Amino acid sequence: MGRTGTGLPRPHNLFVQQSTPVGNDADGFELPPATEWVFWCACREQPLGYSQEAKGANGESYSYSSIVFSDPGVPKIESGTRIEVREPDGSVRLAGEVKRFSEDLMHVRIWV
């Protein structure tokens, strides 16, 4: 189990799906973007065991069933971005879409 600068356990790994435009084919039609999973940071995923409803800063409602914790300073992940939380052996623990990202004094929280 990994520990971070805060001394808190971060046993999981967070990956973010990123897309890169690849251009057009020989006929000029746009090709689908290439996607890849990029390691983002060490984290700890906490499942709620149920889905919960909350409101964002813009007043929009969203439901989430897990919160992912990491250390302050992690680059922001925009709402709607696809993420995976993986175990140290590489198996996927959580796959979903970011609902909210919040950086606080002691940690970052990502609602999925």
PDB file of N, CA and C in Angstrom:
ATOM      1  N   MET A   1       0.845  -1.166   0.000  1.00  0.00           N
ATOM      2  CA  MET A   1       0.000   0.000   0.000  1.00  0.00           C
ATOM      3  C   MET A   1       0.893   1.232   0.000  1.00  0.00           C
ATOM      4  N   GLY A   2       0.670   2.119  -0.956  1.00  0.00           N
ATOM      5  CA  GLY A   2       1.477   3.316  -1.054  1.00  0.00           C
ATOM      6  C   GLY A   2       1.025   4.397  -0.097  1.00  0.00           C
ATOM      7  N   ARG A   3       1.961   5.191   0.317  1.00  0.00           N
ATOM      8  CA  ARG A   3       1.638   6.369   1.129  1.00  0.00           C
ATOM      9  C   ARG A   3       2.185   7.584   0.402  1.00  0.00           C
ATOM     10  N   THR A   4       1.573   8.696   0.654  1.00  0.00           N
ATOM     11  CA  THR A   4       1.966   9.910  -0.051  1.00  0.00           C
ATOM     12  C   THR A   4       2.602  10.895   0.917  1.00  0.00           C
ATOM     13  N   GLY A   5       2.874  12.086   0.427  1.00  0.00           N
ATOM     14  CA  GLY A   5       3.487  13.117   1.251  1.00  0.00           C
ATOM     15  C   GLY A   5       2.669  13.460   2.481  1.00  0.00           C
ATOM     16  N   THR A   6       1.358  13.235   2.426  1.00  0.00           N
ATOM     17  CA  THR A   6       0.512  13.516   3.580  1.00  0.00           C
ATOM     18  C   THR A   6       0.535  12.369   4.579  1.00  0.00           C
ATOM     19  N   GLY A   7       1.144  11.232   4.199  1.00  0.00           N
ATOM     20  CA  GLY A   7       1.202  10.074   5.080  1.00  0.00           C
ATOM     21  C   GLY A   7      -0.052   9.220   5.022  1.00  0.00           C
ATOM     22  N   LEU A   8      -1.023   9.609   4.184  1.00  0.00           N
ATOM     23  CA  LEU A   8      -2.267   8.854   4.080  1.00  0.00           C
ATOM     24  C   LEU A   8      -2.127   7.734   3.059  1.00  0.00           C
ATOM     25  N   PRO A   9      -2.760   6.592   3.301  1.00  0.00           N
ATOM     26  CA  PRO A   9      -2.654   5.494   2.349  1.00  0.00           C
ATOM     27  C   PRO A   9      -3.370   5.814   1.041  1.00  0.00           C
ATOM     28  N   ARG A  10      -2.714   5.521  -0.057  1.00  0.00           N
ATOM     29  CA  ARG A  10      -3.276   5.685  -1.401  1.00  0.00           C
ATOM     30  C   ARG A  10      -3.004   4.387  -2.160  1.00  0.00           C
ATOM     31  N   PRO A  11      -3.797   3.340  -1.885  1.00  0.00           N
ATOM     32  CA  PRO A  11      -3.492   2.008  -2.416  1.00  0.00           C
ATOM     33  C   PRO A  11      -3.876   1.783  -3.878  1.00  0.00           C
ATOM     34  N   HIS A  12      -4.563   2.747  -4.493  1.00  0.00           N
ATOM     35  CA  HIS A  12      -5.049   2.559  -5.864  1.00  0.00           C
ATOM     36  C   HIS A  12      -4.365   3.531  -6.819  1.00  0.00           C
ATOM     37  N   ASN A  13      -4.578   3.310  -8.113  1.00  0.00           N
ATOM     38  CA  ASN A  13      -4.017   4.185  -9.146  1.00  0.00           C
ATOM     39  C   ASN A  13      -5.147   4.742  -9.996  1.00  0.00           C
ATOM     40  N   LEU A  14      -5.112   6.046 -10.225  1.00  0.00           N
ATOM     41  CA  LEU A  14      -6.131   6.719 -11.023  1.00  0.00           C
ATOM     42  C   LEU A  14      -5.615   6.929 -12.438  1.00  0.00           C
ATOM     43  N   PHE A  15      -6.422   6.510 -13.413  1.00  0.00           N
ATOM     44  CA  PHE A  15      -6.109   6.694 -14.824  1.00  0.00           C
ATOM     45  C   PHE A  15      -7.201   7.537 -15.465  1.00  0.00           C
ATOM     46  N   VAL A  16      -6.796   8.421 -16.387  1.00  0.00           N
ATOM     47  CA  VAL A  16      -7.719   9.302 -17.089  1.00  0.00           C
ATOM     48  C   VAL A  16      -7.679   8.960 -18.568  1.00  0.00           C
ATOM     49  N   GLN A  17      -8.858   8.893 -19.185  1.00  0.00           N
ATOM     50  CA  GLN A  17      -8.914   8.620 -20.621  1.00  0.00           C
ATOM     51  C   GLN A  17      -8.704   9.935 -21.369  1.00  0.00           C
ATOM     52  N   GLN A  18      -7.704   9.951 -22.241  1.00  0.00           N
ATOM     53  CA  GLN A  18      -7.416  11.139 -23.044  1.00  0.00           C
ATOM     54  C   GLN A  18      -7.547  10.791 -24.518  1.00  0.00           C
ATOM     55  N   SER A  19      -8.094  11.721 -25.265  1.00  0.00           N
ATOM     56  CA  SER A  19      -8.293  11.540 -26.701  1.00  0.00           C
ATOM     57  C   SER A  19      -7.388  12.480 -27.470  1.00  0.00           C
ATOM     58  N   THR A  20      -6.862  11.981 -28.589  1.00  0.00           N
ATOM     59  CA  THR A  20      -6.001  12.767 -29.467  1.00  0.00           C
ATOM     60  C   THR A  20      -6.555  12.697 -30.883  1.00  0.00           C
ATOM     61  N   PRO A  21      -6.820  13.852 -31.520  1.00  0.00           N
ATOM     62  CA  PRO A  21      -7.289  13.807 -32.903  1.00  0.00           C
ATOM     63  C   PRO A  21      -6.221  13.171 -33.794  1.00  0.00           C
ATOM     64  N   VAL A  22      -6.666  12.363 -34.761  1.00  0.00           N
ATOM     65  CA  VAL A  22      -5.701  11.698 -35.643  1.00  0.00           C
ATOM     66  C   VAL A  22      -5.764  12.235 -37.071  1.00  0.00           C
ATOM     67  N   GLY A  23      -6.709  13.131 -37.349  1.00  0.00           N
ATOM     68  CA  GLY A  23      -6.768  13.736 -38.678  1.00  0.00           C
ATOM     69  C   GLY A  23      -7.843  13.120 -39.548  1.00  0.00           C
ATOM     70  N   ASN A  24      -7.586  13.145 -40.856  1.00  0.00           N
ATOM     71  CA  ASN A  24      -8.560  12.681 -41.838  1.00  0.00           C
ATOM     72  C   ASN A  24      -8.004  11.515 -42.631  1.00  0.00           C
ATOM     73  N   ASP A  25      -8.935  10.711 -43.184  1.00  0.00           N
ATOM     74  CA  ASP A  25      -8.504   9.609 -44.043  1.00  0.00           C
ATOM     75  C   ASP A  25      -8.217  10.133 -45.448  1.00  0.00           C
ATOM     76  N   ALA A  26      -7.892   9.245 -46.380  1.00  0.00           N
ATOM     77  CA  ALA A  26      -7.524   9.633 -47.751  1.00  0.00           C
ATOM     78  C   ALA A  26      -8.657  10.353 -48.476  1.00  0.00           C
ATOM     79  N   ASP A  27      -9.903  10.106 -48.067  1.00  0.00           N
ATOM     80  CA  ASP A  27     -11.054  10.751 -48.704  1.00  0.00           C
ATOM     81  C   ASP A  27     -11.442  12.055 -48.018  1.00  0.00           C
ATOM     82  N   GLY A  28     -10.707  12.446 -46.978  1.00  0.00           N
ATOM     83  CA  GLY A  28     -10.977  13.698 -46.276  1.00  0.00           C
ATOM     84  C   GLY A  28     -11.942  13.580 -45.120  1.00  0.00           C
ATOM     85  N   PHE A  29     -12.400  12.359 -44.824  1.00  0.00           N
ATOM     86  CA  PHE A  29     -13.307  12.172 -43.699  1.00  0.00           C
ATOM     87  C   PHE A  29     -12.511  12.118 -42.390  1.00  0.00           C
ATOM     88  N   GLU A  30     -13.063  12.764 -41.370  1.00  0.00           N
ATOM     89  CA  GLU A  30     -12.396  12.793 -40.069  1.00  0.00           C
ATOM     90  C   GLU A  30     -12.369  11.405 -39.446  1.00  0.00           C
ATOM     91  N   LEU A  31     -11.206  10.998 -38.994  1.00  0.00           N
ATOM     92  CA  LEU A  31     -11.044   9.709 -38.314  1.00  0.00           C
ATOM     93  C   LEU A  31     -11.404   9.859 -36.840  1.00  0.00           C
ATOM     94  N   PRO A  32     -11.895   8.790 -36.223  1.00  0.00           N
ATOM     95  CA  PRO A  32     -12.187   8.879 -34.789  1.00  0.00           C
ATOM     96  C   PRO A  32     -10.900   9.143 -34.006  1.00  0.00           C
ATOM     97  N   PRO A  33     -11.008   9.880 -32.917  1.00  0.00           N
ATOM     98  CA  PRO A  33      -9.796  10.180 -32.140  1.00  0.00           C
ATOM     99  C   PRO A  33      -9.197   8.932 -31.518  1.00  0.00           C
ATOM    100  N   ALA A  34      -7.884   8.948 -31.361  1.00  0.00           N
ATOM    101  CA  ALA A  34      -7.189   7.865 -30.660  1.00  0.00           C
ATOM    102  C   ALA A  34      -7.337   8.123 -29.163  1.00  0.00           C
ATOM    103  N   THR A  35      -7.688   7.087 -28.418  1.00  0.00           N
ATOM    104  CA  THR A  35      -7.826   7.245 -26.971  1.00  0.00           C
ATOM    105  C   THR A  35      -6.806   6.370 -26.266  1.00  0.00           C
ATOM    106  N   GLU A  36      -6.377   6.840 -25.109  1.00  0.00           N
ATOM    107  CA  GLU A  36      -5.451   6.068 -24.280  1.00  0.00           C
ATOM    108  C   GLU A  36      -5.721   6.389 -22.822  1.00  0.00           C
ATOM    109  N   TRP A  37      -5.372   5.441 -21.951  1.00  0.00           N
ATOM    110  CA  TRP A  37      -5.500   5.628 -20.511  1.00  0.00           C
ATOM    111  C   TRP A  37      -4.158   6.113 -19.979  1.00  0.00           C
ATOM    112  N   VAL A  38      -4.171   7.262 -19.312  1.00  0.00           N
ATOM    113  CA  VAL A  38      -2.954   7.893 -18.805  1.00  0.00           C
ATOM    114  C   VAL A  38      -2.973   7.856 -17.281  1.00  0.00           C
ATOM    115  N   PHE A  39      -1.867   7.371 -16.680  1.00  0.00           N
ATOM    116  CA  PHE A  39      -1.761   7.382 -15.215  1.00  0.00           C
ATOM    117  C   PHE A  39      -1.822   8.826 -14.745  1.00  0.00           C
ATOM    118  N   TRP A  40      -2.661   9.101 -13.727  1.00  0.00           N
ATOM    119  CA  TRP A  40      -2.837  10.454 -13.227  1.00  0.00           C
ATOM    120  C   TRP A  40      -2.202  10.636 -11.854  1.00  0.00           C
ATOM    121  N   CYS A  41      -2.515   9.696 -10.922  1.00  0.00           N
ATOM    122  CA  CYS A  41      -1.977   9.834  -9.562  1.00  0.00           C
ATOM    123  C   CYS A  41      -2.330   8.605  -8.731  1.00  0.00           C
ATOM    124  N   ALA A  42      -1.689   8.496  -7.576  1.00  0.00           N
ATOM    125  CA  ALA A  42      -2.078   7.493  -6.576  1.00  0.00           C
ATOM    126  C   ALA A  42      -3.342   8.015  -5.897  1.00  0.00           C
ATOM    127  N   CYS A  43      -4.204   7.099  -5.488  1.00  0.00           N
ATOM    128  CA  CYS A  43      -5.475   7.533  -4.910  1.00  0.00           C
ATOM    129  C   CYS A  43      -6.036   6.457  -3.982  1.00  0.00           C
ATOM    130  N   ARG A  44      -7.169   6.797  -3.396  1.00  0.00           N
ATOM    131  CA  ARG A  44      -7.944   5.838  -2.598  1.00  0.00           C
ATOM    132  C   ARG A  44      -9.401   6.013  -2.998  1.00  0.00           C
ATOM    133  N   GLU A  45     -10.019   4.924  -3.469  1.00  0.00           N
ATOM    134  CA  GLU A  45     -11.418   4.979  -3.859  1.00  0.00           C
ATOM    135  C   GLU A  45     -12.276   4.471  -2.722  1.00  0.00           C
ATOM    136  N   GLN A  46     -13.326   5.220  -2.417  1.00  0.00           N
ATOM    137  CA  GLN A  46     -14.235   4.845  -1.344  1.00  0.00           C
ATOM    138  C   GLN A  46     -15.640   4.690  -1.923  1.00  0.00           C
ATOM    139  N   PRO A  47     -16.095   3.443  -2.106  1.00  0.00           N
ATOM    140  CA  PRO A  47     -17.459   3.247  -2.603  1.00  0.00           C
ATOM    141  C   PRO A  47     -18.471   3.591  -1.513  1.00  0.00           C
ATOM    142  N   LEU A  48     -19.590   4.164  -1.926  1.00  0.00           N
ATOM    143  CA  LEU A  48     -20.630   4.504  -0.958  1.00  0.00           C
ATOM    144  C   LEU A  48     -21.560   3.330  -0.696  1.00  0.00           C
ATOM    145  N   GLY A  49     -21.659   2.412  -1.648  1.00  0.00           N
ATOM    146  CA  GLY A  49     -22.571   1.288  -1.505  1.00  0.00           C
ATOM    147  C   GLY A  49     -23.976   1.621  -1.989  1.00  0.00           C
ATOM    148  N   TYR A  50     -24.193   2.857  -2.403  1.00  0.00           N
ATOM    149  CA  TYR A  50     -25.481   3.305  -2.918  1.00  0.00           C
ATOM    150  C   TYR A  50     -25.223   4.559  -3.747  1.00  0.00           C
ATOM    151  N   SER A  51     -26.208   4.971  -4.510  1.00  0.00           N
ATOM    152  CA  SER A  51     -26.081   6.185  -5.313  1.00  0.00           C
ATOM    153  C   SER A  51     -26.646   7.351  -4.523  1.00  0.00           C
ATOM    154  N   GLN A  52     -25.944   8.476  -4.543  1.00  0.00           N
ATOM    155  CA  GLN A  52     -26.377   9.655  -3.803  1.00  0.00           C
ATOM    156  C   GLN A  52     -26.519  10.829  -4.757  1.00  0.00           C
ATOM    157  N   GLU A  53     -27.466  11.692  -4.492  1.00  0.00           N
ATOM    158  CA  GLU A  53     -27.729  12.871  -5.319  1.00  0.00           C
ATOM    159  C   GLU A  53     -27.102  14.097  -4.656  1.00  0.00           C
ATOM    160  N   ALA A  54     -26.509  14.978  -5.467  1.00  0.00           N
ATOM    161  CA  ALA A  54     -25.919  16.217  -4.954  1.00  0.00           C
ATOM    162  C   ALA A  54     -26.074  17.294  -6.014  1.00  0.00           C
ATOM    163  N   LYS A  55     -25.838  18.537  -5.613  1.00  0.00           N
ATOM    164  CA  LYS A  55     -25.892  19.663  -6.555  1.00  0.00           C
ATOM    165  C   LYS A  55     -24.509  20.267  -6.691  1.00  0.00           C
ATOM    166  N   GLY A  56     -24.143  20.582  -7.935  1.00  0.00           N
ATOM    167  CA  GLY A  56     -22.865  21.220  -8.205  1.00  0.00           C
ATOM    168  C   GLY A  56     -22.949  22.719  -7.979  1.00  0.00           C
ATOM    169  N   ALA A  57     -21.817  23.399  -8.155  1.00  0.00           N
ATOM    170  CA  ALA A  57     -21.748  24.846  -7.949  1.00  0.00           C
ATOM    171  C   ALA A  57     -22.689  25.594  -8.896  1.00  0.00           C
ATOM    172  N   ASN A  58     -22.934  25.025 -10.076  1.00  0.00           N
ATOM    173  CA  ASN A  58     -23.814  25.672 -11.056  1.00  0.00           C
ATOM    174  C   ASN A  58     -25.288  25.331 -10.821  1.00  0.00           C
ATOM    175  N   GLY A  59     -25.592  24.584  -9.768  1.00  0.00           N
ATOM    176  CA  GLY A  59     -26.958  24.215  -9.446  1.00  0.00           C
ATOM    177  C   GLY A  59     -27.448  22.954 -10.130  1.00  0.00           C
ATOM    178  N   GLU A  60     -26.624  22.368 -10.993  1.00  0.00           N
ATOM    179  CA  GLU A  60     -26.999  21.152 -11.705  1.00  0.00           C
ATOM    180  C   GLU A  60     -26.894  19.951 -10.774  1.00  0.00           C
ATOM    181  N   SER A  61     -27.895  19.075 -10.819  1.00  0.00           N
ATOM    182  CA  SER A  61     -27.894  17.860  -9.989  1.00  0.00           C
ATOM    183  C   SER A  61     -27.095  16.752 -10.659  1.00  0.00           C
ATOM    184  N   TYR A  62     -26.458  15.935  -9.860  1.00  0.00           N
ATOM    185  CA  TYR A  62     -25.749  14.756 -10.355  1.00  0.00           C
ATOM    186  C   TYR A  62     -25.821  13.673  -9.292  1.00  0.00           C
ATOM    187  N   SER A  63     -25.715  12.434  -9.726  1.00  0.00           N
ATOM    188  CA  SER A  63     -25.676  11.329  -8.766  1.00  0.00           C
ATOM    189  C   SER A  63     -24.306  10.669  -8.848  1.00  0.00           C
ATOM    190  N   TYR A  64     -23.851  10.178  -7.724  1.00  0.00           N
ATOM    191  CA  TYR A  64     -22.537   9.534  -7.644  1.00  0.00           C
ATOM    192  C   TYR A  64     -22.616   8.368  -6.673  1.00  0.00           C
ATOM    193  N   SER A  65     -21.681   7.413  -6.834  1.00  0.00           N
ATOM    194  CA  SER A  65     -21.681   6.255  -5.939  1.00  0.00           C
ATOM    195  C   SER A  65     -20.305   5.966  -5.349  1.00  0.00           C
ATOM    196  N   SER A  66     -19.297   6.767  -5.735  1.00  0.00           N
ATOM    197  CA  SER A  66     -17.949   6.619  -5.177  1.00  0.00           C
ATOM    198  C   SER A  66     -17.294   7.992  -5.070  1.00  0.00           C
ATOM    199  N   ILE A  67     -16.374   8.092  -4.120  1.00  0.00           N
ATOM    200  CA  ILE A  67     -15.518   9.277  -4.012  1.00  0.00           C
ATOM    201  C   ILE A  67     -14.080   8.789  -4.062  1.00  0.00           C
ATOM    202  N   VAL A  68     -13.285   9.446  -4.896  1.00  0.00           N
ATOM    203  CA  VAL A  68     -11.866   9.116  -5.043  1.00  0.00           C
ATOM    204  C   VAL A  68     -11.077  10.224  -4.354  1.00  0.00           C
ATOM    205  N   PHE A  69     -10.172   9.841  -3.455  1.00  0.00           N
ATOM    206  CA  PHE A  69      -9.347  10.799  -2.717  1.00  0.00           C
ATOM    207  C   PHE A  69      -7.913  10.753  -3.222  1.00  0.00           C
ATOM    208  N   SER A  70      -7.287  11.926  -3.320  1.00  0.00           N
ATOM    209  CA  SER A  70      -5.871  12.007  -3.654  1.00  0.00           C
ATOM    210  C   SER A  70      -5.280  13.231  -2.953  1.00  0.00           C
ATOM    211  N   ASP A  71      -4.006  13.486  -3.209  1.00  0.00           N
ATOM    212  CA  ASP A  71      -3.326  14.591  -2.546  1.00  0.00           C
ATOM    213  C   ASP A  71      -3.544  15.918  -3.256  1.00  0.00           C
ATOM    214  N   PRO A  72      -3.466  17.032  -2.532  1.00  0.00           N
ATOM    215  CA  PRO A  72      -3.562  18.342  -3.166  1.00  0.00           C
ATOM    216  C   PRO A  72      -2.477  18.504  -4.228  1.00  0.00           C
ATOM    217  N   GLY A  73      -2.783  19.287  -5.254  1.00  0.00           N
ATOM    218  CA  GLY A  73      -1.817  19.535  -6.314  1.00  0.00           C
ATOM    219  C   GLY A  73      -2.004  18.648  -7.526  1.00  0.00           C
ATOM    220  N   VAL A  74      -2.927  17.686  -7.446  1.00  0.00           N
ATOM    221  CA  VAL A  74      -3.224  16.836  -8.597  1.00  0.00           C
ATOM    222  C   VAL A  74      -3.884  17.710  -9.667  1.00  0.00           C
ATOM    223  N   PRO A  75      -3.467  17.590 -10.926  1.00  0.00           N
ATOM    224  CA  PRO A  75      -4.108  18.392 -11.966  1.00  0.00           C
ATOM    225  C   PRO A  75      -5.616  18.134 -12.023  1.00  0.00           C
ATOM    226  N   LYS A  76      -6.377  19.194 -12.251  1.00  0.00           N
ATOM    227  CA  LYS A  76      -7.835  19.103 -12.277  1.00  0.00           C
ATOM    228  C   LYS A  76      -8.296  18.176 -13.398  1.00  0.00           C
ATOM    229  N   ILE A  77      -9.364  17.433 -13.109  1.00  0.00           N
ATOM    230  CA  ILE A  77     -10.022  16.578 -14.092  1.00  0.00           C
ATOM    231  C   ILE A  77     -11.412  17.165 -14.303  1.00  0.00           C
ATOM    232  N   GLU A  78     -11.724  17.496 -15.531  1.00  0.00           N
ATOM    233  CA  GLU A  78     -12.995  18.137 -15.853  1.00  0.00           C
ATOM    234  C   GLU A  78     -14.162  17.163 -15.701  1.00  0.00           C
ATOM    235  N   SER A  79     -15.313  17.690 -15.332  1.00  0.00           N
ATOM    236  CA  SER A  79     -16.539  16.899 -15.278  1.00  0.00           C
ATOM    237  C   SER A  79     -16.799  16.286 -16.644  1.00  0.00           C
ATOM    238  N   GLY A  80     -17.265  15.041 -16.638  1.00  0.00           N
ATOM    239  CA  GLY A  80     -17.547  14.340 -17.880  1.00  0.00           C
ATOM    240  C   GLY A  80     -16.395  13.487 -18.371  1.00  0.00           C
ATOM    241  N   THR A  81     -15.200  13.664 -17.788  1.00  0.00           N
ATOM    242  CA  THR A  81     -14.028  12.882 -18.195  1.00  0.00           C
ATOM    243  C   THR A  81     -14.168  11.449 -17.698  1.00  0.00           C
ATOM    244  N   ARG A  82     -13.825  10.483 -18.534  1.00  0.00           N
ATOM    245  CA  ARG A  82     -13.846   9.076 -18.158  1.00  0.00           C
ATOM    246  C   ARG A  82     -12.585   8.759 -17.347  1.00  0.00           C
ATOM    247  N   ILE A  83     -12.761   8.037 -16.235  1.00  0.00           N
ATOM    248  CA  ILE A  83     -11.626   7.629 -15.402  1.00  0.00           C
ATOM    249  C   ILE A  83     -11.750   6.153 -15.050  1.00  0.00           C
ATOM    250  N   GLU A  84     -10.620   5.584 -14.648  1.00  0.00           N
ATOM    251  CA  GLU A  84     -10.576   4.246 -14.057  1.00  0.00           C
ATOM    252  C   GLU A  84      -9.721   4.315 -12.802  1.00  0.00           C
ATOM    253  N   VAL A  85     -10.165   3.631 -11.769  1.00  0.00           N
ATOM    254  CA  VAL A  85      -9.350   3.427 -10.578  1.00  0.00           C
ATOM    255  C   VAL A  85      -8.932   1.962 -10.630  1.00  0.00           C
ATOM    256  N   ARG A  86      -7.624   1.728 -10.558  1.00  0.00           N
ATOM    257  CA  ARG A  86      -7.100   0.364 -10.694  1.00  0.00           C
ATOM    258  C   ARG A  86      -6.390  -0.074  -9.421  1.00  0.00           C
ATOM    259  N   GLU A  87      -6.498  -1.376  -9.182  1.00  0.00           N
ATOM    260  CA  GLU A  87      -5.761  -2.007  -8.087  1.00  0.00           C
ATOM    261  C   GLU A  87      -4.282  -2.056  -8.482  1.00  0.00           C
ATOM    262  N   PRO A  88      -3.375  -2.302  -7.525  1.00  0.00           N
ATOM    263  CA  PRO A  88      -1.949  -2.407  -7.867  1.00  0.00           C
ATOM    264  C   PRO A  88      -1.644  -3.486  -8.906  1.00  0.00           C
ATOM    265  N   ASP A  89      -2.484  -4.527  -9.001  1.00  0.00           N
ATOM    266  CA  ASP A  89      -2.250  -5.574 -10.001  1.00  0.00           C
ATOM    267  C   ASP A  89      -2.770  -5.191 -11.389  1.00  0.00           C
ATOM    268  N   GLY A  90      -3.374  -3.993 -11.513  1.00  0.00           N
ATOM    269  CA  GLY A  90      -3.864  -3.515 -12.798  1.00  0.00           C
ATOM    270  C   GLY A  90      -5.338  -3.763 -13.050  1.00  0.00           C
ATOM    271  N   SER A  91      -5.988  -4.549 -12.192  1.00  0.00           N
ATOM    272  CA  SER A  91      -7.423  -4.804 -12.397  1.00  0.00           C
ATOM    273  C   SER A  91      -8.219  -3.531 -12.098  1.00  0.00           C
ATOM    274  N   VAL A  92      -9.300  -3.349 -12.850  1.00  0.00           N
ATOM    275  CA  VAL A  92     -10.125  -2.146 -12.710  1.00  0.00           C
ATOM    276  C   VAL A  92     -11.057  -2.301 -11.521  1.00  0.00           C
ATOM    277  N   ARG A  93     -10.954  -1.368 -10.598  1.00  0.00           N
ATOM    278  CA  ARG A  93     -11.788  -1.341  -9.395  1.00  0.00           C
ATOM    279  C   ARG A  93     -13.044  -0.505  -9.630  1.00  0.00           C
ATOM    280  N   LEU A  94     -12.886   0.588 -10.385  1.00  0.00           N
ATOM    281  CA  LEU A  94     -13.976   1.519 -10.668  1.00  0.00           C
ATOM    282  C   LEU A  94     -13.766   2.111 -12.047  1.00  0.00           C
ATOM    283  N   ALA A  95     -14.808   2.153 -12.850  1.00  0.00           N
ATOM    284  CA  ALA A  95     -14.780   2.840 -14.137  1.00  0.00           C
ATOM    285  C   ALA A  95     -15.993   3.746 -14.167  1.00  0.00           C
ATOM    286  N   GLY A  96     -15.796   4.996 -14.536  1.00  0.00           N
ATOM    287  CA  GLY A  96     -16.928   5.915 -14.552  1.00  0.00           C
ATOM    288  C   GLY A  96     -16.546   7.274 -15.085  1.00  0.00           C
ATOM    289  N   GLU A  97     -17.442   8.200 -14.861  1.00  0.00           N
ATOM    290  CA  GLU A  97     -17.312   9.562 -15.355  1.00  0.00           C
ATOM    291  C   GLU A  97     -17.231  10.524 -14.173  1.00  0.00           C
ATOM    292  N   VAL A  98     -16.329  11.485 -14.257  1.00  0.00           N
ATOM    293  CA  VAL A  98     -16.182  12.475 -13.194  1.00  0.00           C
ATOM    294  C   VAL A  98     -17.434  13.343 -13.139  1.00  0.00           C
ATOM    295  N   LYS A  99     -18.009  13.445 -11.947  1.00  0.00           N
ATOM    296  CA  LYS A  99     -19.175  14.304 -11.730  1.00  0.00           C
ATOM    297  C   LYS A  99     -18.757  15.648 -11.141  1.00  0.00           C
ATOM    298  N   ARG A 100     -17.730  15.606 -10.268  1.00  0.00           N
ATOM    299  CA  ARG A 100     -17.251  16.827  -9.614  1.00  0.00           C
ATOM    300  C   ARG A 100     -15.825  16.608  -9.156  1.00  0.00           C
ATOM    301  N   PHE A 101     -15.013  17.663  -9.206  1.00  0.00           N
ATOM    302  CA  PHE A 101     -13.622  17.643  -8.753  1.00  0.00           C
ATOM    303  C   PHE A 101     -13.472  18.780  -7.761  1.00  0.00           C
ATOM    304  N   SER A 102     -12.924  18.494  -6.582  1.00  0.00           N
ATOM    305  CA  SER A 102     -12.759  19.526  -5.561  1.00  0.00           C
ATOM    306  C   SER A 102     -11.401  19.364  -4.884  1.00  0.00           C
ATOM    307  N   GLU A 103     -10.620  20.451  -4.872  1.00  0.00           N
ATOM    308  CA  GLU A 103      -9.341  20.439  -4.162  1.00  0.00           C
ATOM    309  C   GLU A 103      -9.493  21.219  -2.868  1.00  0.00           C
ATOM    310  N   ASP A 104      -9.239  20.544  -1.762  1.00  0.00           N
ATOM    311  CA  ASP A 104      -9.314  21.151  -0.447  1.00  0.00           C
ATOM    312  C   ASP A 104      -7.901  21.257   0.126  1.00  0.00           C
ATOM    313  N   LEU A 105      -7.789  21.724   1.335  1.00  0.00           N
ATOM    314  CA  LEU A 105      -6.487  21.912   1.966  1.00  0.00           C
ATOM    315  C   LEU A 105      -5.737  20.591   2.152  1.00  0.00           C
ATOM    316  N   MET A 106      -6.458  19.549   2.575  1.00  0.00           N
ATOM    317  CA  MET A 106      -5.809  18.282   2.915  1.00  0.00           C
ATOM    318  C   MET A 106      -5.867  17.215   1.824  1.00  0.00           C
ATOM    319  N   HIS A 107      -6.809  17.364   0.862  1.00  0.00           N
ATOM    320  CA  HIS A 107      -6.937  16.334  -0.160  1.00  0.00           C
ATOM    321  C   HIS A 107      -7.751  16.833  -1.351  1.00  0.00           C
ATOM    322  N   VAL A 108      -7.719  16.030  -2.405  1.00  0.00           N
ATOM    323  CA  VAL A 108      -8.576  16.227  -3.572  1.00  0.00           C
ATOM    324  C   VAL A 108      -9.670  15.179  -3.492  1.00  0.00           C
ATOM    325  N   ARG A 109     -10.903  15.580  -3.807  1.00  0.00           N
ATOM    326  CA  ARG A 109     -12.019  14.635  -3.878  1.00  0.00           C
ATOM    327  C   ARG A 109     -12.594  14.665  -5.286  1.00  0.00           C
ATOM    328  N   ILE A 110     -12.855  13.466  -5.807  1.00  0.00           N
ATOM    329  CA  ILE A 110     -13.442  13.324  -7.140  1.00  0.00           C
ATOM    330  C   ILE A 110     -14.682  12.451  -6.988  1.00  0.00           C
ATOM    331  N   TRP A 111     -15.827  13.013  -7.325  1.00  0.00           N
ATOM    332  CA  TRP A 111     -17.085  12.277  -7.240  1.00  0.00           C
ATOM    333  C   TRP A 111     -17.314  11.547  -8.563  1.00  0.00           C
ATOM    334  N   VAL A 112     -17.596  10.249  -8.475  1.00  0.00           N
ATOM    335  CA  VAL A 112     -17.795   9.423  -9.675  1.00  0.00           C
ATOM    336  C   VAL A 112     -19.132   8.690  -9.535  1.00  0.00           C
TER     337      VAL A 112
END
